[in-house]
């Protein structure tokens, strides 16, 4: 009985679900370093068996309130599919990144 539950859990984890990740990067990051950071985050998703649908760079925008003493930041929206079991790894990497001021990861509409 326990083995059957483990097999079901493994099958659920393999299903890919749609997610949207929006993050704000420190405005002091140079353009080439910004591209490297965006591709690094995308690589983090694909290395965990995720599939990137799109990456939209919204550019520098004024923040509603200061974040870590910055008044503006570079916004990036990434849409992708991934197994829900892999999300914690991605979020922990975003939290420890010094360049990422803030991020929001949400499950895309159902």
Protein backbone atom coordinates (compact mmCIF):
# COMPACT_ATOMS: atom_id res chain seq x y z
CA UNK A 1 0.00 0.00 0.00
CA UNK A 2 2.81 2.44 0.92
CA UNK A 3 4.66 1.55 -2.29
CA UNK A 4 1.58 2.44 -4.35
CA UNK A 5 1.45 5.89 -2.72
CA UNK A 6 5.13 6.44 -3.47
CA UNK A 7 4.58 5.55 -7.13
CA UNK A 8 1.59 7.93 -7.32
CA UNK A 9 3.63 10.72 -5.71
CA UNK A 10 6.47 10.16 -8.19
CA UNK A 11 4.02 10.32 -11.10
CA UNK A 12 2.54 13.57 -9.76
CA UNK A 13 6.00 15.11 -9.40
CA UNK A 14 6.81 14.31 -13.04
CA UNK A 15 3.84 16.30 -14.32
CA UNK A 16 4.86 19.72 -15.52
CA UNK A 17 2.78 22.69 -14.46
CA UNK A 18 2.76 26.26 -15.78
CA UNK A 19 4.42 28.96 -13.66
CA UNK A 20 5.28 32.62 -14.00
CA UNK A 21 8.32 34.12 -12.33
CA UNK A 22 8.78 37.86 -12.16
CA UNK A 23 11.92 39.24 -10.60
CA UNK A 24 13.55 42.61 -10.11
CA UNK A 25 17.29 42.90 -10.65
CA UNK A 26 19.51 45.53 -9.05
CA UNK A 27 19.65 48.57 -11.40
CA UNK A 28 23.43 48.91 -10.95
CA UNK A 29 24.07 45.60 -12.76
CA UNK A 30 25.76 46.23 -16.13
CA UNK A 31 23.95 45.18 -19.33
CA UNK A 32 26.22 42.20 -20.05
CA UNK A 33 26.03 41.05 -16.41
CA UNK A 34 22.25 41.45 -16.58
CA UNK A 35 22.06 39.14 -19.60
CA UNK A 36 24.28 36.64 -17.80
CA UNK A 37 22.03 36.77 -14.71
CA UNK A 38 18.83 36.31 -16.75
CA UNK A 39 20.32 33.38 -18.67
CA UNK A 40 21.62 31.94 -15.38
CA UNK A 41 18.11 31.92 -13.92
CA UNK A 42 16.76 30.34 -17.11
CA UNK A 43 19.55 27.75 -16.94
CA UNK A 44 18.58 27.05 -13.32
CA UNK A 45 15.05 26.23 -14.50
CA UNK A 46 16.08 24.07 -17.46
CA UNK A 47 18.68 22.17 -15.44
CA UNK A 48 15.84 21.03 -13.17
CA UNK A 49 13.89 19.59 -16.12
CA UNK A 50 11.87 22.76 -16.65
CA UNK A 51 10.81 24.10 -20.03
CA UNK A 52 11.05 27.86 -20.67
CA UNK A 53 8.10 29.24 -22.66
CA UNK A 54 9.21 32.88 -22.76
CA UNK A 55 11.47 35.46 -21.14
CA UNK A 56 10.25 39.06 -21.31
CA UNK A 57 12.60 41.84 -20.26
CA UNK A 58 10.49 44.81 -19.19
CA UNK A 59 13.51 47.03 -18.60
CA UNK A 60 14.21 49.53 -15.83
CA UNK A 61 11.19 50.83 -14.00
CA UNK A 62 10.61 52.95 -10.94
CA UNK A 63 9.75 50.96 -7.82
CA UNK A 64 6.64 51.74 -5.77
CA UNK A 65 8.82 51.85 -2.65
CA UNK A 66 12.56 51.46 -1.98
CA UNK A 67 13.97 47.92 -2.02
CA UNK A 68 17.39 47.59 -0.40
CA UNK A 69 17.82 51.37 -0.86
CA UNK A 70 17.10 51.25 -4.62
CA UNK A 71 14.37 53.38 -6.21
CA UNK A 72 14.31 51.51 -9.53
CA UNK A 73 15.02 48.03 -10.82
CA UNK A 74 15.12 45.94 -13.98
CA UNK A 75 12.02 43.75 -14.31
CA UNK A 76 12.04 40.34 -16.00
CA UNK A 77 9.09 37.97 -16.51
CA UNK A 78 9.76 34.29 -17.22
CA UNK A 79 7.02 31.82 -18.13
CA UNK A 80 7.90 28.15 -17.83
CA UNK A 81 6.73 24.61 -17.06
CA UNK A 82 8.26 22.55 -14.29
CA UNK A 83 7.49 19.85 -11.78
CA UNK A 84 6.16 21.38 -8.53
CA UNK A 85 8.74 19.40 -6.54
CA UNK A 86 11.55 21.45 -8.12
CA UNK A 87 10.25 24.91 -7.15
CA UNK A 88 11.92 25.07 -3.73
CA UNK A 89 15.36 24.75 -5.30
CA UNK A 90 14.70 27.59 -7.72
CA UNK A 91 13.26 29.87 -5.04
CA UNK A 92 16.14 29.24 -2.66
CA UNK A 93 18.60 30.25 -5.40
CA UNK A 94 16.66 33.46 -6.03
CA UNK A 95 16.57 34.30 -2.32
CA UNK A 96 20.34 34.07 -1.90
CA UNK A 97 21.13 36.03 -5.06
CA UNK A 98 22.51 39.48 -4.33
CA UNK A 99 21.43 40.85 -7.73
CA UNK A 100 17.76 39.85 -7.35
CA UNK A 101 16.01 42.46 -5.20
CA UNK A 102 12.62 40.74 -5.16
CA UNK A 103 10.88 37.84 -6.90
CA UNK A 104 7.40 36.41 -7.17
CA UNK A 105 6.70 32.88 -8.37
CA UNK A 106 3.07 31.99 -9.10
CA UNK A 107 1.25 29.10 -10.70
CA UNK A 108 -0.18 30.27 -14.01
CA UNK A 109 -3.97 30.34 -14.41
CA UNK A 110 -6.00 27.18 -14.56
